[in-house]
Amino acid sequence: MTKIETEDQYNWAVQRVEELFPLVSEEAPHTDPLRIELELLGNMVADYEELNYNIGEPTLADVIKLRMYEMGLNQASVAKLIGVSPSRICDYLSGKSEPTLKIGRKICQRLNIDPAIVLGV
């Protein structure tokens, strides 16, 4: 088998990786058969997951919601923090509008969100 093609093969490979993981130490030589098997299966599992379970890049709305949860903020407190109205935050979270460059900077600085996410790049 050179690549995982079915869900059954994937499930078997994941189970085997979980069995091998505790048996292979970081110090195991690269010629160790169990380490070789673990690396090969691990790469095949990763390739299958990237193809079939790719979750993509997060949207600005997703990241703002996550940061609000992490920081214990509501829409009103985020609005106050970055200097916009609560309805504007609602627009950002719903995807109805995007922040201006000036507000984008404040989102980056005050919510600690990567500028690439704010700019959508």
PDB file of N, CA and C in Angstrom:
ATOM      1  N   MET A   1       0.862  -1.171   0.000  1.00  0.00           N
ATOM      2  CA  MET A   1       0.000   0.000   0.000  1.00  0.00           C
ATOM      3  C   MET A   1       0.909   1.234   0.000  1.00  0.00           C
ATOM      4  N   THR A   2       0.688   2.105  -0.986  1.00  0.00           N
ATOM      5  CA  THR A   2       1.498   3.324  -1.071  1.00  0.00           C
ATOM      6  C   THR A   2       0.733   4.558  -0.623  1.00  0.00           C
ATOM      7  N   LYS A   3      -0.587   4.444  -0.603  1.00  0.00           N
ATOM      8  CA  LYS A   3      -1.393   5.532  -0.071  1.00  0.00           C
ATOM      9  C   LYS A   3      -2.712   4.962   0.436  1.00  0.00           C
ATOM     10  N   ILE A   4      -3.303   5.689   1.365  1.00  0.00           N
ATOM     11  CA  ILE A   4      -4.575   5.266   1.931  1.00  0.00           C
ATOM     12  C   ILE A   4      -5.682   5.738   1.003  1.00  0.00           C
ATOM     13  N   GLU A   5      -6.536   4.801   0.601  1.00  0.00           N
ATOM     14  CA  GLU A   5      -7.577   5.126  -0.367  1.00  0.00           C
ATOM     15  C   GLU A   5      -8.984   5.047   0.196  1.00  0.00           C
ATOM     16  N   THR A   6      -9.176   4.323   1.287  1.00  0.00           N
ATOM     17  CA  THR A   6     -10.526   4.156   1.822  1.00  0.00           C
ATOM     18  C   THR A   6     -10.561   4.519   3.301  1.00  0.00           C
ATOM     19  N   GLU A   7     -11.758   4.757   3.796  1.00  0.00           N
ATOM     20  CA  GLU A   7     -11.946   5.069   5.216  1.00  0.00           C
ATOM     21  C   GLU A   7     -11.529   3.890   6.097  1.00  0.00           C
ATOM     22  N   ASP A   8     -11.778   2.667   5.634  1.00  0.00           N
ATOM     23  CA  ASP A   8     -11.372   1.482   6.401  1.00  0.00           C
ATOM     24  C   ASP A   8      -9.845   1.409   6.522  1.00  0.00           C
ATOM     25  N   GLN A   9      -9.153   1.676   5.423  1.00  0.00           N
ATOM     26  CA  GLN A   9      -7.691   1.687   5.461  1.00  0.00           C
ATOM     27  C   GLN A   9      -7.192   2.782   6.400  1.00  0.00           C
ATOM     28  N   TYR A  10      -7.844   3.926   6.339  1.00  0.00           N
ATOM     29  CA  TYR A  10      -7.476   5.042   7.210  1.00  0.00           C
ATOM     30  C   TYR A  10      -7.651   4.658   8.679  1.00  0.00           C
ATOM     31  N   ASN A  11      -8.793   4.089   9.019  1.00  0.00           N
ATOM     32  CA  ASN A  11      -9.056   3.687  10.412  1.00  0.00           C
ATOM     33  C   ASN A  11      -8.040   2.660  10.892  1.00  0.00           C
ATOM     34  N   TRP A  12      -7.699   1.701  10.032  1.00  0.00           N
ATOM     35  CA  TRP A  12      -6.700   0.705  10.403  1.00  0.00           C
ATOM     36  C   TRP A  12      -5.348   1.386  10.645  1.00  0.00           C
ATOM     37  N   ALA A  13      -4.968   2.283   9.750  1.00  0.00           N
ATOM     38  CA  ALA A  13      -3.667   2.951   9.864  1.00  0.00           C
ATOM     39  C   ALA A  13      -3.593   3.810  11.123  1.00  0.00           C
ATOM     40  N   VAL A  14      -4.664   4.518  11.438  1.00  0.00           N
ATOM     41  CA  VAL A  14      -4.685   5.338  12.660  1.00  0.00           C
ATOM     42  C   VAL A  14      -4.529   4.446  13.886  1.00  0.00           C
ATOM     43  N   GLN A  15      -5.246   3.322  13.897  1.00  0.00           N
ATOM     44  CA  GLN A  15      -5.144   2.395  15.027  1.00  0.00           C
ATOM     45  C   GLN A  15      -3.716   1.858  15.154  1.00  0.00           C
ATOM     46  N   ARG A  16      -3.100   1.532  14.031  1.00  0.00           N
ATOM     47  CA  ARG A  16      -1.735   1.010  14.064  1.00  0.00           C
ATOM     48  C   ARG A  16      -0.742   2.077  14.532  1.00  0.00           C
ATOM     49  N   VAL A  17      -0.927   3.313  14.099  1.00  0.00           N
ATOM     50  CA  VAL A  17      -0.068   4.412  14.554  1.00  0.00           C
ATOM     51  C   VAL A  17      -0.190   4.567  16.063  1.00  0.00           C
ATOM     52  N   GLU A  18      -1.405   4.484  16.577  1.00  0.00           N
ATOM     53  CA  GLU A  18      -1.610   4.595  18.028  1.00  0.00           C
ATOM     54  C   GLU A  18      -0.944   3.439  18.775  1.00  0.00           C
ATOM     55  N   GLU A  19      -0.902   2.257  18.176  1.00  0.00           N
ATOM     56  CA  GLU A  19      -0.219   1.115  18.796  1.00  0.00           C
ATOM     57  C   GLU A  19       1.301   1.309  18.787  1.00  0.00           C
ATOM     58  N   LEU A  20       1.818   1.875  17.690  1.00  0.00           N
ATOM     59  CA  LEU A  20       3.264   2.041  17.540  1.00  0.00           C
ATOM     60  C   LEU A  20       3.825   3.186  18.360  1.00  0.00           C
ATOM     61  N   PHE A  21       3.035   4.216  18.546  1.00  0.00           N
ATOM     62  CA  PHE A  21       3.525   5.433  19.187  1.00  0.00           C
ATOM     63  C   PHE A  21       4.238   5.174  20.520  1.00  0.00           C
ATOM     64  N   PRO A  22       3.637   4.420  21.440  1.00  0.00           N
ATOM     65  CA  PRO A  22       4.342   4.208  22.717  1.00  0.00           C
ATOM     66  C   PRO A  22       5.547   3.270  22.602  1.00  0.00           C
ATOM     67  N   LEU A  23       5.658   2.554  21.486  1.00  0.00           N
ATOM     68  CA  LEU A  23       6.751   1.595  21.326  1.00  0.00           C
ATOM     69  C   LEU A  23       8.014   2.197  20.719  1.00  0.00           C
ATOM     70  N   VAL A  24       7.880   3.384  20.120  1.00  0.00           N
ATOM     71  CA  VAL A  24       9.006   3.996  19.421  1.00  0.00           C
ATOM     72  C   VAL A  24       9.419   5.261  20.157  1.00  0.00           C
ATOM     73  N   SER A  25      10.649   5.273  20.627  1.00  0.00           N
ATOM     74  CA  SER A  25      11.151   6.458  21.336  1.00  0.00           C
ATOM     75  C   SER A  25      11.806   7.420  20.346  1.00  0.00           C
ATOM     76  N   GLU A  26      11.993   8.650  20.797  1.00  0.00           N
ATOM     77  CA  GLU A  26      12.670   9.661  19.973  1.00  0.00           C
ATOM     78  C   GLU A  26      14.097   9.228  19.631  1.00  0.00           C
ATOM     79  N   GLU A  27      14.687   8.437  20.519  1.00  0.00           N
ATOM     80  CA  GLU A  27      16.073   8.016  20.338  1.00  0.00           C
ATOM     81  C   GLU A  27      16.206   6.777  19.460  1.00  0.00           C
ATOM     82  N   ALA A  28      15.107   6.191  19.044  1.00  0.00           N
ATOM     83  CA  ALA A  28      15.169   4.981  18.216  1.00  0.00           C
ATOM     84  C   ALA A  28      15.913   5.292  16.925  1.00  0.00           C
ATOM     85  N   PRO A  29      16.802   4.393  16.514  1.00  0.00           N
ATOM     86  CA  PRO A  29      17.557   4.637  15.274  1.00  0.00           C
ATOM     87  C   PRO A  29      16.619   4.659  14.060  1.00  0.00           C
ATOM     88  N   HIS A  30      17.023   5.389  13.045  1.00  0.00           N
ATOM     89  CA  HIS A  30      16.209   5.504  11.835  1.00  0.00           C
ATOM     90  C   HIS A  30      16.069   4.169  11.100  1.00  0.00           C
ATOM     91  N   THR A  31      16.880   3.196  11.487  1.00  0.00           N
ATOM     92  CA  THR A  31      16.807   1.874  10.865  1.00  0.00           C
ATOM     93  C   THR A  31      15.891   0.918  11.624  1.00  0.00           C
ATOM     94  N   ASP A  32      15.358   1.355  12.756  1.00  0.00           N
ATOM     95  CA  ASP A  32      14.447   0.536  13.559  1.00  0.00           C
ATOM     96  C   ASP A  32      13.166   0.270  12.762  1.00  0.00           C
ATOM     97  N   PRO A  33      12.818  -1.009  12.568  1.00  0.00           N
ATOM     98  CA  PRO A  33      11.634  -1.342  11.761  1.00  0.00           C
ATOM     99  C   PRO A  33      10.335  -0.699  12.280  1.00  0.00           C
ATOM    100  N   LEU A  34      10.173  -0.622  13.601  1.00  0.00           N
ATOM    101  CA  LEU A  34       8.962  -0.006  14.140  1.00  0.00           C
ATOM    102  C   LEU A  34       8.929   1.503  13.854  1.00  0.00           C
ATOM    103  N   ARG A  35      10.099   2.138  13.944  1.00  0.00           N
ATOM    104  CA  ARG A  35      10.153   3.567  13.632  1.00  0.00           C
ATOM    105  C   ARG A  35       9.854   3.816  12.159  1.00  0.00           C
ATOM    106  N   ILE A  36      10.392   2.976  11.305  1.00  0.00           N
ATOM    107  CA  ILE A  36      10.129   3.102   9.869  1.00  0.00           C
ATOM    108  C   ILE A  36       8.638   2.944   9.596  1.00  0.00           C
ATOM    109  N   GLU A  37       8.029   1.920  10.200  1.00  0.00           N
ATOM    110  CA  GLU A  37       6.593   1.697  10.012  1.00  0.00           C
ATOM    111  C   GLU A  37       5.786   2.884  10.523  1.00  0.00           C
ATOM    112  N   LEU A  38       6.150   3.389  11.698  1.00  0.00           N
ATOM    113  CA  LEU A  38       5.428   4.529  12.266  1.00  0.00           C
ATOM    114  C   LEU A  38       5.536   5.754  11.362  1.00  0.00           C
ATOM    115  N   GLU A  39       6.722   6.053  10.871  1.00  0.00           N
ATOM    116  CA  GLU A  39       6.895   7.217  10.000  1.00  0.00           C
ATOM    117  C   GLU A  39       6.128   7.077   8.701  1.00  0.00           C
ATOM    118  N   LEU A  40       6.187   5.894   8.091  1.00  0.00           N
ATOM    119  CA  LEU A  40       5.472   5.673   6.831  1.00  0.00           C
ATOM    120  C   LEU A  40       3.957   5.786   7.022  1.00  0.00           C
ATOM    121  N   LEU A  41       3.451   5.094   8.026  1.00  0.00           N
ATOM    122  CA  LEU A  41       2.009   5.152   8.275  1.00  0.00           C
ATOM    123  C   LEU A  41       1.574   6.554   8.703  1.00  0.00           C
ATOM    124  N   GLY A  42       2.383   7.200   9.525  1.00  0.00           N
ATOM    125  CA  GLY A  42       2.063   8.562   9.952  1.00  0.00           C
ATOM    126  C   GLY A  42       1.955   9.509   8.768  1.00  0.00           C
ATOM    127  N   ASN A  43       2.876   9.401   7.828  1.00  0.00           N
ATOM    128  CA  ASN A  43       2.828  10.243   6.629  1.00  0.00           C
ATOM    129  C   ASN A  43       1.610   9.921   5.770  1.00  0.00           C
ATOM    130  N   MET A  44       1.289   8.651   5.652  1.00  0.00           N
ATOM    131  CA  MET A  44       0.121   8.261   4.858  1.00  0.00           C
ATOM    132  C   MET A  44      -1.174   8.757   5.503  1.00  0.00           C
ATOM    133  N   VAL A  45      -1.263   8.668   6.820  1.00  0.00           N
ATOM    134  CA  VAL A  45      -2.434   9.174   7.539  1.00  0.00           C
ATOM    135  C   VAL A  45      -2.553  10.689   7.348  1.00  0.00           C
ATOM    136  N   ALA A  46      -1.434  11.392   7.480  1.00  0.00           N
ATOM    137  CA  ALA A  46      -1.442  12.851   7.316  1.00  0.00           C
ATOM    138  C   ALA A  46      -1.889  13.233   5.900  1.00  0.00           C
ATOM    139  N   ASP A  47      -1.399  12.520   4.894  1.00  0.00           N
ATOM    140  CA  ASP A  47      -1.798  12.808   3.514  1.00  0.00           C
ATOM    141  C   ASP A  47      -3.297  12.577   3.315  1.00  0.00           C
ATOM    142  N   TYR A  48      -3.810  11.477   3.857  1.00  0.00           N
ATOM    143  CA  TYR A  48      -5.236  11.172   3.730  1.00  0.00           C
ATOM    144  C   TYR A  48      -6.080  12.234   4.431  1.00  0.00           C
ATOM    145  N   GLU A  49      -5.661  12.633   5.626  1.00  0.00           N
ATOM    146  CA  GLU A  49      -6.408  13.649   6.380  1.00  0.00           C
ATOM    147  C   GLU A  49      -6.395  14.993   5.666  1.00  0.00           C
ATOM    148  N   GLU A  50      -5.268  15.357   5.099  1.00  0.00           N
ATOM    149  CA  GLU A  50      -5.192  16.638   4.383  1.00  0.00           C
ATOM    150  C   GLU A  50      -6.141  16.642   3.190  1.00  0.00           C
ATOM    151  N   LEU A  51      -6.241  15.515   2.518  1.00  0.00           N
ATOM    152  CA  LEU A  51      -7.109  15.413   1.348  1.00  0.00           C
ATOM    153  C   LEU A  51      -8.582  15.330   1.722  1.00  0.00           C
ATOM    154  N   ASN A  52      -8.900  14.600   2.799  1.00  0.00           N
ATOM    155  CA  ASN A  52     -10.295  14.301   3.118  1.00  0.00           C
ATOM    156  C   ASN A  52     -10.885  15.067   4.292  1.00  0.00           C
ATOM    157  N   TYR A  53     -10.047  15.617   5.151  1.00  0.00           N
ATOM    158  CA  TYR A  53     -10.546  16.306   6.342  1.00  0.00           C
ATOM    159  C   TYR A  53      -9.967  17.709   6.480  1.00  0.00           C
ATOM    160  N   ASN A  54      -9.607  18.309   5.377  1.00  0.00           N
ATOM    161  CA  ASN A  54      -8.999  19.632   5.413  1.00  0.00           C
ATOM    162  C   ASN A  54     -10.017  20.644   5.929  1.00  0.00           C
ATOM    163  N   ILE A  55      -9.683  21.324   7.009  1.00  0.00           N
ATOM    164  CA  ILE A  55     -10.627  22.280   7.596  1.00  0.00           C
ATOM    165  C   ILE A  55     -10.421  23.692   7.062  1.00  0.00           C
ATOM    166  N   GLY A  56      -9.370  23.918   6.290  1.00  0.00           N
ATOM    167  CA  GLY A  56      -9.172  25.214   5.675  1.00  0.00           C
ATOM    168  C   GLY A  56      -8.722  26.284   6.653  1.00  0.00           C
ATOM    169  N   GLU A  57      -8.612  27.468   6.120  1.00  0.00           N
ATOM    170  CA  GLU A  57      -8.177  28.608   6.910  1.00  0.00           C
ATOM    171  C   GLU A  57      -9.363  29.191   7.676  1.00  0.00           C
ATOM    172  N   PRO A  58      -9.122  29.661   8.888  1.00  0.00           N
ATOM    173  CA  PRO A  58     -10.220  30.261   9.652  1.00  0.00           C
ATOM    174  C   PRO A  58     -10.578  31.637   9.082  1.00  0.00           C
ATOM    175  N   THR A  59     -11.829  31.996   9.193  1.00  0.00           N
ATOM    176  CA  THR A  59     -12.258  33.330   8.776  1.00  0.00           C
ATOM    177  C   THR A  59     -11.994  34.312   9.910  1.00  0.00           C
ATOM    178  N   LEU A  60     -12.026  35.586   9.587  1.00  0.00           N
ATOM    179  CA  LEU A  60     -11.862  36.603  10.617  1.00  0.00           C
ATOM    180  C   LEU A  60     -12.949  36.454  11.673  1.00  0.00           C
ATOM    181  N   ALA A  61     -14.179  36.210  11.234  1.00  0.00           N
ATOM    182  CA  ALA A  61     -15.284  36.043  12.180  1.00  0.00           C
ATOM    183  C   ALA A  61     -15.014  34.879  13.135  1.00  0.00           C
ATOM    184  N   ASP A  62     -14.509  33.757  12.596  1.00  0.00           N
ATOM    185  CA  ASP A  62     -14.199  32.598  13.442  1.00  0.00           C
ATOM    186  C   ASP A  62     -13.147  32.946  14.493  1.00  0.00           C
ATOM    187  N   VAL A  63     -12.128  33.677  14.082  1.00  0.00           N
ATOM    188  CA  VAL A  63     -11.033  34.012  15.000  1.00  0.00           C
ATOM    189  C   VAL A  63     -11.488  35.028  16.039  1.00  0.00           C
ATOM    190  N   ILE A  64     -12.296  35.994  15.629  1.00  0.00           N
ATOM    191  CA  ILE A  64     -12.813  36.965  16.605  1.00  0.00           C
ATOM    192  C   ILE A  64     -13.680  36.246  17.634  1.00  0.00           C
ATOM    193  N   LYS A  65     -14.533  35.329  17.193  1.00  0.00           N
ATOM    194  CA  LYS A  65     -15.383  34.572  18.122  1.00  0.00           C
ATOM    195  C   LYS A  65     -14.533  33.763  19.099  1.00  0.00           C
ATOM    196  N   LEU A  66     -13.494  33.126  18.575  1.00  0.00           N
ATOM    197  CA  LEU A  66     -12.605  32.353  19.435  1.00  0.00           C
ATOM    198  C   LEU A  66     -11.921  33.262  20.460  1.00  0.00           C
ATOM    199  N   ARG A  67     -11.407  34.389  19.994  1.00  0.00           N
ATOM    200  CA  ARG A  67     -10.728  35.308  20.901  1.00  0.00           C
ATOM    201  C   ARG A  67     -11.694  35.865  21.947  1.00  0.00           C
ATOM    202  N   MET A  68     -12.938  36.145  21.541  1.00  0.00           N
ATOM    203  CA  MET A  68     -13.939  36.609  22.498  1.00  0.00           C
ATOM    204  C   MET A  68     -14.137  35.560  23.594  1.00  0.00           C
ATOM    205  N   TYR A  69     -14.232  34.304  23.186  1.00  0.00           N
ATOM    206  CA  TYR A  69     -14.399  33.214  24.154  1.00  0.00           C
ATOM    207  C   TYR A  69     -13.187  33.134  25.081  1.00  0.00           C
ATOM    208  N   GLU A  70     -11.992  33.163  24.492  1.00  0.00           N
ATOM    209  CA  GLU A  70     -10.762  33.052  25.282  1.00  0.00           C
ATOM    210  C   GLU A  70     -10.602  34.196  26.280  1.00  0.00           C
ATOM    211  N   MET A  71     -11.016  35.392  25.868  1.00  0.00           N
ATOM    212  CA  MET A  71     -10.831  36.576  26.704  1.00  0.00           C
ATOM    213  C   MET A  71     -12.053  36.880  27.564  1.00  0.00           C
ATOM    214  N   GLY A  72     -13.107  36.081  27.419  1.00  0.00           N
ATOM    215  CA  GLY A  72     -14.323  36.300  28.201  1.00  0.00           C
ATOM    216  C   GLY A  72     -15.040  37.588  27.833  1.00  0.00           C
ATOM    217  N   LEU A  73     -15.048  37.917  26.547  1.00  0.00           N
ATOM    218  CA  LEU A  73     -15.655  39.157  26.080  1.00  0.00           C
ATOM    219  C   LEU A  73     -16.981  38.900  25.375  1.00  0.00           C
ATOM    220  N   ASN A  74     -17.853  39.889  25.405  1.00  0.00           N
ATOM    221  CA  ASN A  74     -19.076  39.831  24.597  1.00  0.00           C
ATOM    222  C   ASN A  74     -18.938  40.862  23.476  1.00  0.00           C
ATOM    223  N   GLN A  75     -19.950  40.940  22.616  1.00  0.00           N
ATOM    224  CA  GLN A  75     -19.865  41.850  21.480  1.00  0.00           C
ATOM    225  C   GLN A  75     -19.714  43.307  21.928  1.00  0.00           C
ATOM    226  N   ALA A  76     -20.428  43.689  22.978  1.00  0.00           N
ATOM    227  CA  ALA A  76     -20.353  45.072  23.457  1.00  0.00           C
ATOM    228  C   ALA A  76     -18.951  45.406  23.962  1.00  0.00           C
ATOM    229  N   SER A  77     -18.336  44.484  24.686  1.00  0.00           N
ATOM    230  CA  SER A  77     -16.993  44.769  25.211  1.00  0.00           C
ATOM    231  C   SER A  77     -15.943  44.790  24.103  1.00  0.00           C
ATOM    232  N   VAL A  78     -16.103  43.948  23.087  1.00  0.00           N
ATOM    233  CA  VAL A  78     -15.183  43.988  21.943  1.00  0.00           C
ATOM    234  C   VAL A  78     -15.352  45.310  21.204  1.00  0.00           C
ATOM    235  N   ALA A  79     -16.606  45.724  21.032  1.00  0.00           N
ATOM    236  CA  ALA A  79     -16.877  46.998  20.355  1.00  0.00           C
ATOM    237  C   ALA A  79     -16.192  48.144  21.080  1.00  0.00           C
ATOM    238  N   LYS A  80     -16.304  48.167  22.376  1.00  0.00           N
ATOM    239  CA  LYS A  80     -15.683  49.231  23.169  1.00  0.00           C
ATOM    240  C   LYS A  80     -14.157  49.155  23.066  1.00  0.00           C
ATOM    241  N   LEU A  81     -13.623  47.935  23.089  1.00  0.00           N
ATOM    242  CA  LEU A  81     -12.182  47.720  23.037  1.00  0.00           C
ATOM    243  C   LEU A  81     -11.565  48.247  21.743  1.00  0.00           C
ATOM    244  N   ILE A  82     -12.270  48.057  20.631  1.00  0.00           N
ATOM    245  CA  ILE A  82     -11.679  48.486  19.349  1.00  0.00           C
ATOM    246  C   ILE A  82     -12.291  49.778  18.807  1.00  0.00           C
ATOM    247  N   GLY A  83     -13.275  50.335  19.519  1.00  0.00           N
ATOM    248  CA  GLY A  83     -13.803  51.644  19.160  1.00  0.00           C
ATOM    249  C   GLY A  83     -14.821  51.668  18.039  1.00  0.00           C
ATOM    250  N   VAL A  84     -15.694  50.660  18.020  1.00  0.00           N
ATOM    251  CA  VAL A  84     -16.787  50.644  17.042  1.00  0.00           C
ATOM    252  C   VAL A  84     -18.084  50.341  17.773  1.00  0.00           C
ATOM    253  N   SER A  85     -19.185  50.415  17.062  1.00  0.00           N
ATOM    254  CA  SER A  85     -20.476  50.116  17.685  1.00  0.00           C
ATOM    255  C   SER A  85     -20.677  48.608  17.779  1.00  0.00           C
ATOM    256  N   PRO A  86     -21.496  48.148  18.727  1.00  0.00           N
ATOM    257  CA  PRO A  86     -21.797  46.721  18.829  1.00  0.00           C
ATOM    258  C   PRO A  86     -22.428  46.169  17.541  1.00  0.00           C
ATOM    259  N   SER A  87     -23.206  46.992  16.850  1.00  0.00           N
ATOM    260  CA  SER A  87     -23.811  46.504  15.600  1.00  0.00           C
ATOM    261  C   SER A  87     -22.745  46.271  14.527  1.00  0.00           C
ATOM    262  N   ARG A  88     -21.649  47.051  14.582  1.00  0.00           N
ATOM    263  CA  ARG A  88     -20.555  46.846  13.631  1.00  0.00           C
ATOM    264  C   ARG A  88     -19.867  45.510  13.914  1.00  0.00           C
ATOM    265  N   ILE A  89     -19.687  45.184  15.187  1.00  0.00           N
ATOM    266  CA  ILE A  89     -19.112  43.882  15.550  1.00  0.00           C
ATOM    267  C   ILE A  89     -20.014  42.765  15.028  1.00  0.00           C
ATOM    268  N   CYS A  90     -21.305  42.949  15.183  1.00  0.00           N
ATOM    269  CA  CYS A  90     -22.267  41.967  14.668  1.00  0.00           C
ATOM    270  C   CYS A  90     -22.084  41.793  13.161  1.00  0.00           C
ATOM    271  N   ASP A  91     -21.877  42.892  12.452  1.00  0.00           N
ATOM    272  CA  ASP A  91     -21.645  42.826  11.002  1.00  0.00           C
ATOM    273  C   ASP A  91     -20.371  42.055  10.676  1.00  0.00           C
ATOM    274  N   TYR A  92     -19.308  42.268  11.458  1.00  0.00           N
ATOM    275  CA  TYR A  92     -18.059  41.534  11.227  1.00  0.00           C
ATOM    276  C   TYR A  92     -18.257  40.047  11.481  1.00  0.00           C
ATOM    277  N   LEU A  93     -18.966  39.724  12.552  1.00  0.00           N
ATOM    278  CA  LEU A  93     -19.154  38.321  12.928  1.00  0.00           C
ATOM    279  C   LEU A  93     -20.061  37.574  11.960  1.00  0.00           C
ATOM    280  N   SER A  94     -20.966  38.292  11.335  1.00  0.00           N
ATOM    281  CA  SER A  94     -21.881  37.652  10.378  1.00  0.00           C
ATOM    282  C   SER A  94     -21.313  37.648   8.963  1.00  0.00           C
ATOM    283  N   GLY A  95     -20.217  38.369   8.756  1.00  0.00           N
ATOM    284  CA  GLY A  95     -19.630  38.463   7.430  1.00  0.00           C
ATOM    285  C   GLY A  95     -20.298  39.507   6.559  1.00  0.00           C
ATOM    286  N   LYS A  96     -21.186  40.278   7.137  1.00  0.00           N
ATOM    287  CA  LYS A  96     -21.918  41.308   6.406  1.00  0.00           C
ATOM    288  C   LYS A  96     -20.999  42.437   5.951  1.00  0.00           C
ATOM    289  N   SER A  97     -19.977  42.747   6.751  1.00  0.00           N
ATOM    290  CA  SER A  97     -18.996  43.762   6.370  1.00  0.00           C
ATOM    291  C   SER A  97     -17.634  43.396   6.935  1.00  0.00           C
ATOM    292  N   GLU A  98     -16.624  44.074   6.401  1.00  0.00           N
ATOM    293  CA  GLU A  98     -15.252  43.859   6.848  1.00  0.00           C
ATOM    294  C   GLU A  98     -14.728  45.136   7.498  1.00  0.00           C
ATOM    295  N   PRO A  99     -13.794  44.994   8.426  1.00  0.00           N
ATOM    296  CA  PRO A  99     -13.260  46.188   9.095  1.00  0.00           C
ATOM    297  C   PRO A  99     -12.405  47.020   8.143  1.00  0.00           C
ATOM    298  N   THR A 100     -12.354  48.321   8.422  1.00  0.00           N
ATOM    299  CA  THR A 100     -11.445  49.202   7.690  1.00  0.00           C
ATOM    300  C   THR A 100     -10.017  48.878   8.116  1.00  0.00           C
ATOM    301  N   LEU A 101      -9.062  49.431   7.424  1.00  0.00           N
ATOM    302  CA  LEU A 101      -7.662  49.212   7.779  1.00  0.00           C
ATOM    303  C   LEU A 101      -7.374  49.702   9.195  1.00  0.00           C
ATOM    304  N   LYS A 102      -7.919  50.861   9.541  1.00  0.00           N
ATOM    305  CA  LYS A 102      -7.712  51.425  10.883  1.00  0.00           C
ATOM    306  C   LYS A 102      -8.272  50.489  11.956  1.00  0.00           C
ATOM    307  N   ILE A 103      -9.485  50.006  11.753  1.00  0.00           N
ATOM    308  CA  ILE A 103     -10.095  49.081  12.723  1.00  0.00           C
ATOM    309  C   ILE A 103      -9.382  47.738  12.685  1.00  0.00           C
ATOM    310  N   GLY A 104      -8.939  47.322  11.513  1.00  0.00           N
ATOM    311  CA  GLY A 104      -8.173  46.080  11.394  1.00  0.00           C
ATOM    312  C   GLY A 104      -6.925  46.102  12.252  1.00  0.00           C
ATOM    313  N   ARG A 105      -6.242  47.241  12.252  1.00  0.00           N
ATOM    314  CA  ARG A 105      -5.054  47.394  13.106  1.00  0.00           C
ATOM    315  C   ARG A 105      -5.410  47.227  14.582  1.00  0.00           C
ATOM    316  N   LYS A 106      -6.513  47.843  14.979  1.00  0.00           N
ATOM    317  CA  LYS A 106      -6.931  47.727  16.385  1.00  0.00           C
ATOM    318  C   LYS A 106      -7.290  46.286  16.725  1.00  0.00           C
ATOM    319  N   ILE A 107      -7.939  45.596  15.811  1.00  0.00           N
ATOM    320  CA  ILE A 107      -8.281  44.181  16.035  1.00  0.00           C
ATOM    321  C   ILE A 107      -6.997  43.377  16.238  1.00  0.00           C
ATOM    322  N   CYS A 108      -6.008  43.628  15.399  1.00  0.00           N
ATOM    323  CA  CYS A 108      -4.721  42.923  15.526  1.00  0.00           C
ATOM    324  C   CYS A 108      -4.074  43.194  16.875  1.00  0.00           C
ATOM    325  N   GLN A 109      -4.030  44.464  17.245  1.00  0.00           N
ATOM    326  CA  GLN A 109      -3.322  44.859  18.455  1.00  0.00           C
ATOM    327  C   GLN A 109      -4.066  44.478  19.730  1.00  0.00           C
ATOM    328  N   ARG A 110      -5.342  44.742  19.768  1.00  0.00           N
ATOM    329  CA  ARG A 110      -6.080  44.589  21.021  1.00  0.00           C
ATOM    330  C   ARG A 110      -6.640  43.192  21.237  1.00  0.00           C
ATOM    331  N   LEU A 111      -6.850  42.469  20.138  1.00  0.00           N
ATOM    332  CA  LEU A 111      -7.337  41.092  20.278  1.00  0.00           C
ATOM    333  C   LEU A 111      -6.232  40.081  19.973  1.00  0.00           C
ATOM    334  N   ASN A 112      -5.050  40.592  19.628  1.00  0.00           N
ATOM    335  CA  ASN A 112      -3.905  39.740  19.316  1.00  0.00           C
ATOM    336  C   ASN A 112      -4.242  38.726  18.218  1.00  0.00           C
ATOM    337  N   ILE A 113      -4.739  39.244  17.106  1.00  0.00           N
ATOM    338  CA  ILE A 113      -5.082  38.415  15.955  1.00  0.00           C
ATOM    339  C   ILE A 113      -4.086  38.717  14.845  1.00  0.00           C
ATOM    340  N   ASP A 114      -3.581  37.687  14.227  1.00  0.00           N
ATOM    341  CA  ASP A 114      -2.593  37.813  13.170  1.00  0.00           C
ATOM    342  C   ASP A 114      -3.107  38.719  12.044  1.00  0.00           C
ATOM    343  N   PRO A 115      -2.287  39.668  11.599  1.00  0.00           N
ATOM    344  CA  PRO A 115      -2.722  40.571  10.531  1.00  0.00           C
ATOM    345  C   PRO A 115      -3.133  39.845   9.253  1.00  0.00           C
ATOM    346  N   ALA A 116      -2.510  38.719   8.950  1.00  0.00           N
ATOM    347  CA  ALA A 116      -2.873  37.972   7.736  1.00  0.00           C
ATOM    348  C   ALA A 116      -4.321  37.504   7.796  1.00  0.00           C
ATOM    349  N   ILE A 117      -4.794  37.161   8.970  1.00  0.00           N
ATOM    350  CA  ILE A 117      -6.195  36.739   9.116  1.00  0.00           C
ATOM    351  C   ILE A 117      -7.128  37.930   8.934  1.00  0.00           C
ATOM    352  N   VAL A 118      -6.747  39.065   9.519  1.00  0.00           N
ATOM    353  CA  VAL A 118      -7.568  40.270   9.401  1.00  0.00           C
ATOM    354  C   VAL A 118      -7.641  40.717   7.940  1.00  0.00           C
ATOM    355  N   LEU A 119      -6.519  40.610   7.230  1.00  0.00           N
ATOM    356  CA  LEU A 119      -6.481  41.024   5.835  1.00  0.00           C
ATOM    357  C   LEU A 119      -7.005  39.952   4.876  1.00  0.00           C
ATOM    358  N   GLY A 120      -7.215  38.749   5.385  1.00  0.00           N
ATOM    359  CA  GLY A 120      -7.736  37.675   4.541  1.00  0.00           C
ATOM    360  C   GLY A 120      -6.729  37.127   3.556  1.00  0.00           C
ATOM    361  N   VAL A 121      -5.451  37.136   3.936  1.00  0.00           N
ATOM    362  CA  VAL A 121      -4.410  36.609   3.043  1.00  0.00           C
ATOM    363  C   VAL A 121      -3.798  35.357   3.592  1.00  0.00           C
TER     364      VAL A 121
END
